[in-house]
Amino acid sequence: MSRTAAPPAGTRRMQKQRTRRALLDAALRLLEHQSLSSLGLREVTRAAGVAPTAFYRHFRSTADLGVALVEEALGGLHGMIAGILAETGEDQDEERIDRTVDLIARHVRDHPAHVRFIIRERHGGVRLVREAIGAQLRRFAVEVAAEYAGHPSTRGWGEDDLRMLGGLYVDQMVMTASAFLEAAEEAEPGAAAERVASVARRRLRLINLGRRHWLD
């Protein structure tokens, strides 16, 4: 009796990657209009065009899928932000501010569904996802604090103050991303985005001013 040959390992791996991608994309589309806590497994698999059993080959639960979306939405930003911090010096605050605001605007423009998901679920009803978002944002804050620890303007600062500074920058970045997202839905999105960028730059300048005079 003849047997059907099994597909090559590379083909199976590609198919698995396509299925995982389809599930993530389907979840993002559904999460445009609802929270993760209300999202059902069958709803996701139906939108992705796969059998419900296929879901468990990739994720343990919708919360696990949400954590994967968090990593996808925020994980890649660490390198870009680190690059901005490393490439601009202590006397280049204005350039650093401009590049940071431009980065946030571009990320919101290129990945609006991911940003909307993070903004909504940061304080949402799924604990694992809240914790994953919190962990990523704390990691951003630690990275920012570590970069500023070597600057003359923070000489003599304690660890608590440095962590507070990192948190201020990260909170402002999240607020700016949310504002850019809202601006894209206004009647004149270009003008609205420019207003958001202007306010963001002013707020970052205020944080920088406080940083330079914190120990005065």
N, C-alpha and C. Protein backbone atom coordinates (compact mmCIF):
# COMPACT_ATOMS: atom_id res chain seq x y z
N MET A 1 0.85 -1.18 0.00
CA MET A 1 0.00 0.00 0.00
C MET A 1 0.90 1.24 0.00
N SER A 2 0.63 2.18 -0.90
CA SER A 2 1.47 3.37 -1.03
C SER A 2 1.14 4.38 0.06
N ARG A 3 2.11 5.15 0.43
CA ARG A 3 1.93 6.19 1.44
C ARG A 3 2.21 7.56 0.81
N THR A 4 1.46 8.56 1.31
CA THR A 4 1.71 9.93 0.87
C THR A 4 2.93 10.46 1.61
N ALA A 5 3.89 10.94 0.84
CA ALA A 5 5.12 11.43 1.45
C ALA A 5 4.84 12.66 2.32
N ALA A 6 5.48 12.70 3.48
CA ALA A 6 5.34 13.86 4.37
C ALA A 6 6.03 15.07 3.74
N PRO A 7 5.49 16.27 3.91
CA PRO A 7 6.13 17.46 3.36
C PRO A 7 7.48 17.69 4.02
N PRO A 8 8.43 18.26 3.28
CA PRO A 8 9.75 18.54 3.85
C PRO A 8 9.65 19.41 5.10
N ALA A 9 10.67 19.28 5.97
CA ALA A 9 10.65 20.02 7.24
C ALA A 9 10.57 21.52 7.00
N GLY A 10 11.27 22.01 5.98
CA GLY A 10 11.24 23.44 5.69
C GLY A 10 9.86 23.92 5.31
N THR A 11 9.13 23.10 4.56
CA THR A 11 7.77 23.46 4.17
C THR A 11 6.87 23.51 5.39
N ARG A 12 7.01 22.52 6.28
CA ARG A 12 6.19 22.50 7.50
C ARG A 12 6.49 23.72 8.36
N ARG A 13 7.77 24.09 8.44
CA ARG A 13 8.14 25.25 9.26
C ARG A 13 7.54 26.53 8.68
N MET A 14 7.58 26.66 7.36
CA MET A 14 7.01 27.84 6.72
C MET A 14 5.49 27.90 6.93
N GLN A 15 4.84 26.73 6.83
CA GLN A 15 3.40 26.69 7.04
C GLN A 15 3.05 27.07 8.48
N LYS A 16 3.86 26.60 9.42
CA LYS A 16 3.62 26.94 10.83
C LYS A 16 3.78 28.44 11.04
N GLN A 17 4.79 29.03 10.42
CA GLN A 17 5.01 30.47 10.55
C GLN A 17 3.86 31.26 9.93
N ARG A 18 3.35 30.77 8.79
CA ARG A 18 2.22 31.45 8.15
C ARG A 18 0.97 31.39 9.02
N THR A 19 0.75 30.22 9.64
CA THR A 19 -0.42 30.09 10.52
C THR A 19 -0.31 31.00 11.72
N ARG A 20 0.86 31.06 12.34
CA ARG A 20 1.08 31.95 13.48
C ARG A 20 0.85 33.40 13.08
N ARG A 21 1.39 33.77 11.91
CA ARG A 21 1.21 35.14 11.43
C ARG A 21 -0.26 35.44 11.18
N ALA A 22 -0.98 34.48 10.61
CA ALA A 22 -2.41 34.67 10.34
C ALA A 22 -3.19 34.87 11.63
N LEU A 23 -2.84 34.14 12.67
CA LEU A 23 -3.52 34.28 13.96
C LEU A 23 -3.24 35.65 14.59
N LEU A 24 -2.00 36.10 14.54
CA LEU A 24 -1.65 37.41 15.09
C LEU A 24 -2.34 38.52 14.33
N ASP A 25 -2.33 38.42 13.00
CA ASP A 25 -2.96 39.46 12.19
C ASP A 25 -4.47 39.49 12.41
N ALA A 26 -5.08 38.32 12.51
CA ALA A 26 -6.53 38.25 12.74
C ALA A 26 -6.87 38.87 14.10
N ALA A 27 -6.07 38.56 15.11
CA ALA A 27 -6.32 39.12 16.44
C ALA A 27 -6.21 40.65 16.41
N LEU A 28 -5.19 41.17 15.73
CA LEU A 28 -5.03 42.62 15.65
C LEU A 28 -6.23 43.28 14.98
N ARG A 29 -6.73 42.67 13.91
CA ARG A 29 -7.90 43.23 13.23
C ARG A 29 -9.11 43.25 14.17
N LEU A 30 -9.32 42.16 14.88
CA LEU A 30 -10.46 42.09 15.80
C LEU A 30 -10.31 43.05 16.97
N LEU A 31 -9.06 43.26 17.40
CA LEU A 31 -8.81 44.13 18.55
C LEU A 31 -8.90 45.61 18.21
N GLU A 32 -9.13 45.93 16.95
CA GLU A 32 -9.38 47.32 16.57
C GLU A 32 -10.65 47.83 17.25
N HIS A 33 -11.58 46.91 17.53
CA HIS A 33 -12.90 47.32 17.99
C HIS A 33 -13.31 46.65 19.30
N GLN A 34 -12.42 45.92 19.94
CA GLN A 34 -12.76 45.27 21.20
C GLN A 34 -11.52 45.04 22.03
N SER A 35 -11.71 44.71 23.30
CA SER A 35 -10.58 44.46 24.18
C SER A 35 -10.19 42.98 24.12
N LEU A 36 -8.99 42.70 24.56
CA LEU A 36 -8.52 41.32 24.54
C LEU A 36 -9.35 40.42 25.44
N SER A 37 -9.82 40.97 26.56
CA SER A 37 -10.59 40.16 27.51
C SER A 37 -11.90 39.65 26.91
N SER A 38 -12.40 40.31 25.87
CA SER A 38 -13.64 39.88 25.24
C SER A 38 -13.40 39.04 23.98
N LEU A 39 -12.14 38.82 23.64
CA LEU A 39 -11.80 38.11 22.41
C LEU A 39 -11.83 36.60 22.64
N GLY A 40 -12.56 35.88 21.78
CA GLY A 40 -12.66 34.44 21.90
C GLY A 40 -11.72 33.71 20.96
N LEU A 41 -11.28 32.55 21.40
CA LEU A 41 -10.36 31.73 20.59
C LEU A 41 -10.97 31.40 19.24
N ARG A 42 -12.22 30.95 19.24
CA ARG A 42 -12.87 30.58 17.98
C ARG A 42 -13.06 31.78 17.07
N GLU A 43 -13.27 32.93 17.67
CA GLU A 43 -13.39 34.16 16.89
C GLU A 43 -12.10 34.44 16.13
N VAL A 44 -10.97 34.24 16.82
CA VAL A 44 -9.67 34.47 16.19
C VAL A 44 -9.41 33.46 15.08
N THR A 45 -9.64 32.18 15.36
CA THR A 45 -9.33 31.16 14.35
C THR A 45 -10.26 31.29 13.14
N ARG A 46 -11.49 31.69 13.38
CA ARG A 46 -12.41 31.88 12.25
C ARG A 46 -11.92 33.04 11.36
N ALA A 47 -11.48 34.13 11.99
CA ALA A 47 -10.98 35.27 11.23
C ALA A 47 -9.68 34.94 10.51
N ALA A 48 -8.88 34.04 11.11
CA ALA A 48 -7.60 33.64 10.50
C ALA A 48 -7.77 32.56 9.45
N GLY A 49 -8.94 31.92 9.43
CA GLY A 49 -9.18 30.86 8.45
C GLY A 49 -8.48 29.56 8.78
N VAL A 50 -8.33 29.26 10.09
CA VAL A 50 -7.69 28.02 10.51
C VAL A 50 -8.60 27.30 11.50
N ALA A 51 -8.36 26.03 11.70
CA ALA A 51 -9.15 25.24 12.63
C ALA A 51 -8.81 25.64 14.07
N PRO A 52 -9.78 25.59 14.99
CA PRO A 52 -9.51 25.94 16.40
C PRO A 52 -8.35 25.15 17.00
N THR A 53 -8.22 23.88 16.59
CA THR A 53 -7.13 23.07 17.15
C THR A 53 -5.76 23.62 16.76
N ALA A 54 -5.69 24.30 15.62
CA ALA A 54 -4.41 24.85 15.17
C ALA A 54 -3.91 25.94 16.11
N PHE A 55 -4.82 26.61 16.79
CA PHE A 55 -4.45 27.70 17.69
C PHE A 55 -3.47 27.20 18.75
N TYR A 56 -3.74 26.02 19.30
CA TYR A 56 -2.95 25.51 20.42
C TYR A 56 -1.56 25.03 20.01
N ARG A 57 -1.30 24.97 18.74
CA ARG A 57 0.07 24.66 18.30
C ARG A 57 0.97 25.88 18.41
N HIS A 58 0.36 27.04 18.65
CA HIS A 58 1.13 28.29 18.68
C HIS A 58 0.98 29.04 19.99
N PHE A 59 -0.21 28.99 20.60
CA PHE A 59 -0.47 29.76 21.82
C PHE A 59 -1.27 28.91 22.80
N ARG A 60 -1.01 29.13 24.09
CA ARG A 60 -1.73 28.40 25.12
C ARG A 60 -3.13 28.97 25.34
N SER A 61 -3.29 30.27 25.06
CA SER A 61 -4.56 30.95 25.34
C SER A 61 -4.55 32.28 24.59
N THR A 62 -5.68 32.98 24.62
CA THR A 62 -5.70 34.31 24.02
C THR A 62 -4.79 35.27 24.78
N ALA A 63 -4.62 35.04 26.10
CA ALA A 63 -3.68 35.86 26.87
C ALA A 63 -2.26 35.65 26.37
N ASP A 64 -1.90 34.41 26.06
CA ASP A 64 -0.58 34.10 25.53
C ASP A 64 -0.39 34.77 24.17
N LEU A 65 -1.42 34.77 23.35
CA LEU A 65 -1.38 35.46 22.07
C LEU A 65 -1.17 36.96 22.30
N GLY A 66 -1.85 37.51 23.30
CA GLY A 66 -1.69 38.92 23.63
C GLY A 66 -0.27 39.28 24.02
N VAL A 67 0.37 38.40 24.78
CA VAL A 67 1.76 38.63 25.17
C VAL A 67 2.67 38.65 23.93
N ALA A 68 2.38 37.77 22.97
CA ALA A 68 3.15 37.77 21.72
C ALA A 68 2.97 39.08 20.97
N LEU A 69 1.77 39.63 21.00
CA LEU A 69 1.52 40.91 20.36
C LEU A 69 2.28 42.04 21.06
N VAL A 70 2.37 41.96 22.38
CA VAL A 70 3.14 42.96 23.14
C VAL A 70 4.60 42.92 22.71
N GLU A 71 5.17 41.72 22.64
CA GLU A 71 6.58 41.59 22.24
C GLU A 71 6.79 42.10 20.83
N GLU A 72 5.83 41.83 19.96
CA GLU A 72 5.93 42.28 18.58
C GLU A 72 5.82 43.80 18.50
N ALA A 73 4.93 44.39 19.30
CA ALA A 73 4.69 45.83 19.24
C ALA A 73 5.83 46.64 19.85
N LEU A 74 6.43 46.15 20.93
CA LEU A 74 7.40 46.95 21.68
C LEU A 74 8.83 46.44 21.60
N GLY A 75 8.99 45.15 21.37
CA GLY A 75 10.33 44.57 21.42
C GLY A 75 11.32 45.21 20.46
N GLY A 76 10.87 45.51 19.24
CA GLY A 76 11.78 46.05 18.25
C GLY A 76 12.17 47.50 18.47
N LEU A 77 11.49 48.19 19.38
CA LEU A 77 11.78 49.61 19.61
C LEU A 77 13.01 49.83 20.47
N HIS A 78 13.43 48.82 21.23
CA HIS A 78 14.56 49.00 22.15
C HIS A 78 15.82 49.43 21.40
N GLY A 79 16.11 48.75 20.31
CA GLY A 79 17.32 49.06 19.55
C GLY A 79 17.28 50.45 18.95
N MET A 80 16.11 50.86 18.44
CA MET A 80 15.99 52.18 17.82
C MET A 80 16.17 53.29 18.85
N ILE A 81 15.55 53.14 20.01
CA ILE A 81 15.67 54.16 21.06
C ILE A 81 17.09 54.20 21.60
N ALA A 82 17.69 53.03 21.77
CA ALA A 82 19.08 52.99 22.24
C ALA A 82 19.99 53.70 21.25
N GLY A 83 19.70 53.54 19.95
CA GLY A 83 20.50 54.20 18.93
C GLY A 83 20.40 55.72 19.02
N ILE A 84 19.20 56.23 19.23
CA ILE A 84 19.02 57.67 19.37
C ILE A 84 19.78 58.20 20.58
N LEU A 85 19.68 57.47 21.71
CA LEU A 85 20.36 57.90 22.92
C LEU A 85 21.88 57.87 22.77
N ALA A 86 22.37 56.85 22.08
CA ALA A 86 23.82 56.68 21.95
C ALA A 86 24.44 57.64 20.93
N GLU A 87 23.66 58.00 19.90
CA GLU A 87 24.22 58.79 18.80
C GLU A 87 24.15 60.28 19.03
N THR A 88 23.43 60.72 20.04
CA THR A 88 23.34 62.15 20.33
C THR A 88 23.91 62.41 21.71
N GLY A 89 24.74 63.43 21.81
CA GLY A 89 25.44 63.69 23.06
C GLY A 89 24.69 64.63 23.98
N GLU A 90 25.35 64.95 25.09
CA GLU A 90 24.76 65.79 26.14
C GLU A 90 24.37 67.16 25.61
N ASP A 91 25.15 67.69 24.64
CA ASP A 91 24.88 69.03 24.11
C ASP A 91 23.98 68.98 22.88
N GLN A 92 23.31 67.86 22.63
CA GLN A 92 22.46 67.72 21.45
C GLN A 92 21.02 67.36 21.85
N ASP A 93 20.54 67.99 22.91
CA ASP A 93 19.19 67.68 23.40
C ASP A 93 18.13 67.94 22.35
N GLU A 94 18.24 69.05 21.61
CA GLU A 94 17.22 69.37 20.62
C GLU A 94 17.16 68.32 19.52
N GLU A 95 18.32 67.86 19.06
CA GLU A 95 18.34 66.82 18.04
C GLU A 95 17.75 65.52 18.58
N ARG A 96 18.07 65.21 19.82
CA ARG A 96 17.55 63.99 20.44
C ARG A 96 16.03 64.06 20.57
N ILE A 97 15.52 65.21 20.96
CA ILE A 97 14.08 65.39 21.09
C ILE A 97 13.40 65.23 19.73
N ASP A 98 13.94 65.89 18.71
CA ASP A 98 13.34 65.82 17.38
C ASP A 98 13.33 64.37 16.87
N ARG A 99 14.43 63.67 17.05
CA ARG A 99 14.51 62.30 16.56
C ARG A 99 13.57 61.38 17.32
N THR A 100 13.43 61.62 18.62
CA THR A 100 12.53 60.79 19.43
C THR A 100 11.09 60.99 18.99
N VAL A 101 10.66 62.24 18.83
CA VAL A 101 9.28 62.51 18.42
C VAL A 101 9.03 61.96 17.01
N ASP A 102 10.00 62.12 16.12
CA ASP A 102 9.84 61.58 14.77
C ASP A 102 9.72 60.06 14.79
N LEU A 103 10.49 59.41 15.65
CA LEU A 103 10.43 57.96 15.77
C LEU A 103 9.04 57.52 16.24
N ILE A 104 8.51 58.19 17.25
CA ILE A 104 7.18 57.83 17.75
C ILE A 104 6.13 58.03 16.67
N ALA A 105 6.20 59.17 15.98
CA ALA A 105 5.22 59.45 14.92
C ALA A 105 5.29 58.39 13.83
N ARG A 106 6.49 58.03 13.44
CA ARG A 106 6.65 57.02 12.37
C ARG A 106 6.14 55.66 12.82
N HIS A 107 6.41 55.31 14.06
CA HIS A 107 5.96 54.00 14.56
C HIS A 107 4.44 53.94 14.61
N VAL A 108 3.80 55.02 15.06
CA VAL A 108 2.34 55.04 15.10
C VAL A 108 1.77 54.98 13.69
N ARG A 109 2.40 55.70 12.78
CA ARG A 109 1.94 55.70 11.38
C ARG A 109 2.08 54.32 10.73
N ASP A 110 3.18 53.63 11.03
CA ASP A 110 3.45 52.33 10.40
C ASP A 110 2.74 51.18 11.09
N HIS A 111 2.45 51.33 12.40
CA HIS A 111 1.88 50.21 13.16
C HIS A 111 0.72 50.68 14.05
N PRO A 112 -0.30 51.29 13.48
CA PRO A 112 -1.38 51.83 14.31
C PRO A 112 -2.12 50.78 15.12
N ALA A 113 -2.32 49.59 14.55
CA ALA A 113 -3.06 48.54 15.27
C ALA A 113 -2.27 48.08 16.49
N HIS A 114 -0.96 47.94 16.35
CA HIS A 114 -0.13 47.54 17.49
C HIS A 114 -0.17 48.60 18.59
N VAL A 115 -0.06 49.87 18.19
CA VAL A 115 -0.05 50.95 19.18
C VAL A 115 -1.40 51.02 19.89
N ARG A 116 -2.49 50.91 19.14
CA ARG A 116 -3.82 50.93 19.75
C ARG A 116 -3.98 49.80 20.75
N PHE A 117 -3.45 48.63 20.40
CA PHE A 117 -3.51 47.48 21.30
C PHE A 117 -2.77 47.78 22.61
N ILE A 118 -1.56 48.33 22.51
CA ILE A 118 -0.77 48.62 23.71
C ILE A 118 -1.46 49.66 24.58
N ILE A 119 -1.96 50.73 23.97
CA ILE A 119 -2.62 51.79 24.72
C ILE A 119 -3.83 51.24 25.46
N ARG A 120 -4.63 50.43 24.78
CA ARG A 120 -5.86 49.91 25.38
C ARG A 120 -5.57 48.88 26.47
N GLU A 121 -4.61 48.00 26.21
CA GLU A 121 -4.38 46.87 27.13
C GLU A 121 -3.41 47.18 28.24
N ARG A 122 -2.78 48.36 28.21
CA ARG A 122 -1.84 48.70 29.28
C ARG A 122 -2.55 48.66 30.63
N HIS A 123 -3.80 49.03 30.65
CA HIS A 123 -4.58 48.98 31.89
C HIS A 123 -5.83 48.12 31.68
N GLY A 124 -5.72 47.14 30.81
CA GLY A 124 -6.85 46.28 30.46
C GLY A 124 -7.09 45.17 31.46
N GLY A 125 -7.99 44.26 31.08
CA GLY A 125 -8.44 43.24 32.02
C GLY A 125 -7.67 41.94 31.99
N VAL A 126 -6.63 41.83 31.16
CA VAL A 126 -5.87 40.57 31.07
C VAL A 126 -4.53 40.76 31.79
N ARG A 127 -4.39 40.11 32.93
CA ARG A 127 -3.22 40.34 33.80
C ARG A 127 -1.90 40.04 33.10
N LEU A 128 -1.80 38.92 32.41
CA LEU A 128 -0.54 38.55 31.76
C LEU A 128 -0.10 39.61 30.76
N VAL A 129 -1.06 40.18 30.06
CA VAL A 129 -0.73 41.20 29.06
C VAL A 129 -0.34 42.51 29.74
N ARG A 130 -1.08 42.89 30.79
CA ARG A 130 -0.70 44.09 31.55
C ARG A 130 0.73 43.95 32.06
N GLU A 131 1.05 42.78 32.59
CA GLU A 131 2.39 42.56 33.13
C GLU A 131 3.45 42.60 32.03
N ALA A 132 3.13 42.05 30.87
CA ALA A 132 4.08 42.06 29.76
C ALA A 132 4.34 43.48 29.28
N ILE A 133 3.28 44.29 29.18
CA ILE A 133 3.45 45.69 28.78
C ILE A 133 4.25 46.43 29.84
N GLY A 134 3.90 46.23 31.11
CA GLY A 134 4.63 46.88 32.19
C GLY A 134 6.11 46.52 32.18
N ALA A 135 6.41 45.25 31.92
CA ALA A 135 7.81 44.80 31.90
C ALA A 135 8.57 45.48 30.76
N GLN A 136 7.95 45.58 29.59
CA GLN A 136 8.61 46.23 28.46
C GLN A 136 8.85 47.71 28.75
N LEU A 137 7.87 48.40 29.32
CA LEU A 137 8.02 49.82 29.61
C LEU A 137 9.06 50.05 30.70
N ARG A 138 9.09 49.17 31.69
CA ARG A 138 10.14 49.29 32.72
C ARG A 138 11.51 49.08 32.11
N ARG A 139 11.60 48.15 31.17
CA ARG A 139 12.89 47.92 30.50
C ARG A 139 13.32 49.17 29.73
N PHE A 140 12.37 49.82 29.05
CA PHE A 140 12.69 51.08 28.39
C PHE A 140 13.22 52.10 29.40
N ALA A 141 12.53 52.22 30.53
CA ALA A 141 12.93 53.20 31.54
C ALA A 141 14.33 52.91 32.07
N VAL A 142 14.64 51.64 32.30
CA VAL A 142 15.97 51.26 32.77
C VAL A 142 17.03 51.61 31.73
N GLU A 143 16.73 51.38 30.46
CA GLU A 143 17.69 51.68 29.39
C GLU A 143 17.94 53.18 29.29
N VAL A 144 16.87 53.96 29.40
CA VAL A 144 17.03 55.42 29.36
C VAL A 144 17.82 55.89 30.58
N ALA A 145 17.50 55.37 31.76
CA ALA A 145 18.22 55.75 32.97
C ALA A 145 19.69 55.40 32.88
N ALA A 146 20.00 54.23 32.33
CA ALA A 146 21.39 53.80 32.21
C ALA A 146 22.17 54.71 31.27
N GLU A 147 21.53 55.17 30.20
CA GLU A 147 22.20 56.07 29.28
C GLU A 147 22.48 57.42 29.95
N TYR A 148 21.48 57.94 30.65
CA TYR A 148 21.66 59.25 31.28
C TYR A 148 22.57 59.19 32.51
N ALA A 149 22.80 58.02 33.06
CA ALA A 149 23.66 57.89 34.23
C ALA A 149 25.08 58.37 33.95
N GLY A 150 25.49 58.30 32.69
CA GLY A 150 26.84 58.72 32.35
C GLY A 150 26.95 60.16 31.91
N HIS A 151 25.88 60.93 31.97
CA HIS A 151 25.90 62.31 31.50
C HIS A 151 26.32 63.26 32.62
N PRO A 152 27.03 64.32 32.27
CA PRO A 152 27.42 65.30 33.30
C PRO A 152 26.22 65.90 34.05
N SER A 153 25.07 66.04 33.37
CA SER A 153 23.92 66.68 34.00
C SER A 153 23.31 65.84 35.11
N THR A 154 23.64 64.55 35.17
CA THR A 154 23.09 63.69 36.22
C THR A 154 24.19 63.22 37.19
N ARG A 155 25.31 63.89 37.18
CA ARG A 155 26.39 63.53 38.11
C ARG A 155 25.90 63.74 39.54
N GLY A 156 26.07 62.73 40.37
CA GLY A 156 25.63 62.80 41.75
C GLY A 156 24.22 62.30 41.99
N TRP A 157 23.53 61.90 40.92
CA TRP A 157 22.17 61.38 41.07
C TRP A 157 22.19 59.98 41.68
N GLY A 158 21.18 59.67 42.49
CA GLY A 158 21.01 58.33 43.00
C GLY A 158 20.22 57.46 42.02
N GLU A 159 20.20 56.18 42.27
CA GLU A 159 19.49 55.25 41.38
C GLU A 159 18.00 55.55 41.31
N ASP A 160 17.40 55.91 42.43
CA ASP A 160 15.97 56.21 42.43
C ASP A 160 15.65 57.39 41.51
N ASP A 161 16.48 58.43 41.57
CA ASP A 161 16.24 59.58 40.71
C ASP A 161 16.43 59.23 39.24
N LEU A 162 17.42 58.42 38.95
CA LEU A 162 17.65 58.01 37.55
C LEU A 162 16.48 57.19 37.03
N ARG A 163 15.96 56.29 37.89
CA ARG A 163 14.80 55.49 37.46
C ARG A 163 13.58 56.39 37.26
N MET A 164 13.44 57.39 38.13
CA MET A 164 12.33 58.33 37.97
C MET A 164 12.45 59.07 36.64
N LEU A 165 13.65 59.50 36.29
CA LEU A 165 13.88 60.20 35.03
C LEU A 165 13.54 59.30 33.84
N GLY A 166 14.01 58.05 33.90
CA GLY A 166 13.69 57.11 32.81
C GLY A 166 12.19 56.92 32.67
N GLY A 167 11.50 56.82 33.81
CA GLY A 167 10.05 56.65 33.78
C GLY A 167 9.34 57.86 33.20
N LEU A 168 9.82 59.06 33.50
CA LEU A 168 9.23 60.27 32.94
C LEU A 168 9.31 60.28 31.42
N TYR A 169 10.48 59.93 30.90
CA TYR A 169 10.64 59.89 29.44
C TYR A 169 9.72 58.84 28.82
N VAL A 170 9.65 57.68 29.42
CA VAL A 170 8.84 56.60 28.85
C VAL A 170 7.36 56.94 28.92
N ASP A 171 6.91 57.48 30.05
CA ASP A 171 5.50 57.88 30.16
C ASP A 171 5.15 58.92 29.10
N GLN A 172 6.07 59.85 28.87
CA GLN A 172 5.82 60.87 27.85
C GLN A 172 5.75 60.25 26.46
N MET A 173 6.58 59.27 26.20
CA MET A 173 6.54 58.59 24.90
C MET A 173 5.20 57.88 24.69
N VAL A 174 4.70 57.23 25.72
CA VAL A 174 3.41 56.54 25.61
C VAL A 174 2.29 57.54 25.38
N MET A 175 2.31 58.65 26.12
CA MET A 175 1.30 59.68 25.95
C MET A 175 1.35 60.26 24.53
N THR A 176 2.55 60.47 24.01
CA THR A 176 2.70 61.02 22.67
C THR A 176 2.18 60.04 21.62
N ALA A 177 2.49 58.76 21.78
CA ALA A 177 1.99 57.75 20.84
C ALA A 177 0.47 57.74 20.82
N SER A 178 -0.15 57.82 22.00
CA SER A 178 -1.60 57.84 22.09
C SER A 178 -2.17 59.07 21.39
N ALA A 179 -1.51 60.21 21.58
CA ALA A 179 -1.98 61.45 20.96
C ALA A 179 -1.85 61.40 19.44
N PHE A 180 -0.76 60.84 18.94
CA PHE A 180 -0.60 60.68 17.49
C PHE A 180 -1.69 59.76 16.93
N LEU A 181 -2.04 58.73 17.67
CA LEU A 181 -3.08 57.80 17.24
C LEU A 181 -4.42 58.53 17.11
N GLU A 182 -4.72 59.36 18.09
CA GLU A 182 -5.97 60.13 18.05
C GLU A 182 -5.94 61.16 16.92
N ALA A 183 -4.77 61.77 16.69
CA ALA A 183 -4.64 62.78 15.63
C ALA A 183 -4.95 62.20 14.25
N ALA A 184 -4.59 60.94 14.05
CA ALA A 184 -4.80 60.30 12.74
C ALA A 184 -6.28 60.17 12.42
N GLU A 185 -7.15 60.27 13.41
CA GLU A 185 -8.59 60.11 13.20
C GLU A 185 -9.31 61.44 13.09
N GLU A 186 -8.59 62.55 13.18
CA GLU A 186 -9.21 63.87 13.09
C GLU A 186 -9.45 64.26 11.63
N ALA A 187 -10.23 65.33 11.45
CA ALA A 187 -10.60 65.76 10.10
C ALA A 187 -9.37 66.19 9.30
N GLU A 188 -8.41 66.82 9.96
CA GLU A 188 -7.17 67.24 9.30
C GLU A 188 -6.00 66.58 10.04
N PRO A 189 -5.73 65.31 9.72
CA PRO A 189 -4.73 64.56 10.50
C PRO A 189 -3.33 65.15 10.44
N GLY A 190 -2.94 65.75 9.32
CA GLY A 190 -1.61 66.33 9.23
C GLY A 190 -1.40 67.46 10.21
N ALA A 191 -2.37 68.38 10.25
CA ALA A 191 -2.28 69.51 11.17
C ALA A 191 -2.36 69.04 12.62
N ALA A 192 -3.22 68.05 12.88
CA ALA A 192 -3.35 67.52 14.24
C ALA A 192 -2.06 66.86 14.68
N ALA A 193 -1.41 66.12 13.78
CA ALA A 193 -0.15 65.46 14.12
C ALA A 193 0.95 66.47 14.42
N GLU A 194 0.96 67.57 13.68
CA GLU A 194 1.96 68.60 13.94
C GLU A 194 1.75 69.25 15.30
N ARG A 195 0.48 69.43 15.69
CA ARG A 195 0.21 69.97 17.03
C ARG A 195 0.70 69.00 18.10
N VAL A 196 0.46 67.71 17.90
CA VAL A 196 0.93 66.70 18.85
C VAL A 196 2.45 66.74 18.96
N ALA A 197 3.12 66.81 17.82
CA ALA A 197 4.59 66.83 17.81
C ALA A 197 5.12 68.07 18.54
N SER A 198 4.47 69.21 18.33
CA SER A 198 4.91 70.45 18.98
C SER A 198 4.79 70.34 20.49
N VAL A 199 3.65 69.84 20.97
CA VAL A 199 3.46 69.67 22.41
C VAL A 199 4.46 68.68 22.98
N ALA A 200 4.70 67.58 22.26
CA ALA A 200 5.64 66.56 22.73
C ALA A 200 7.04 67.14 22.87
N ARG A 201 7.46 67.93 21.89
CA ARG A 201 8.80 68.53 21.97
C ARG A 201 8.90 69.46 23.16
N ARG A 202 7.87 70.25 23.41
CA ARG A 202 7.90 71.18 24.55
C ARG A 202 7.97 70.43 25.88
N ARG A 203 7.20 69.36 25.98
CA ARG A 203 7.22 68.59 27.23
C ARG A 203 8.58 67.94 27.45
N LEU A 204 9.20 67.43 26.39
CA LEU A 204 10.52 66.83 26.53
C LEU A 204 11.56 67.88 26.89
N ARG A 205 11.41 69.10 26.36
CA ARG A 205 12.32 70.18 26.74
C ARG A 205 12.16 70.49 28.23
N LEU A 206 10.91 70.46 28.72
CA LEU A 206 10.68 70.73 30.14
C LEU A 206 11.32 69.66 31.01
N ILE A 207 11.21 68.40 30.60
CA ILE A 207 11.87 67.32 31.35
C ILE A 207 13.38 67.52 31.34
N ASN A 208 13.93 67.90 30.18
CA ASN A 208 15.37 68.14 30.09
C ASN A 208 15.80 69.29 31.00
N LEU A 209 14.99 70.34 31.04
CA LEU A 209 15.32 71.48 31.90
C LEU A 209 15.34 71.05 33.37
N GLY A 210 14.35 70.26 33.76
CA GLY A 210 14.33 69.75 35.13
C GLY A 210 15.52 68.85 35.42
N ARG A 211 15.90 68.04 34.43
CA ARG A 211 17.06 67.15 34.62
C ARG A 211 18.33 67.96 34.88
N ARG A 212 18.51 69.04 34.14
CA ARG A 212 19.73 69.82 34.27
C ARG A 212 19.80 70.57 35.61
N HIS A 213 18.66 70.79 36.24
CA HIS A 213 18.66 71.61 37.48
C HIS A 213 18.11 70.83 38.67
N TRP A 214 18.00 69.52 38.58
CA TRP A 214 17.38 68.73 39.63
C TRP A 214 18.09 68.86 40.97
N LEU A 215 19.43 68.93 40.95
CA LEU A 215 20.20 68.99 42.20
C LEU A 215 20.56 70.41 42.61
N ASP A 216 20.04 71.41 41.91
CA ASP A 216 20.37 72.80 42.25
C ASP A 216 19.87 73.13 43.66
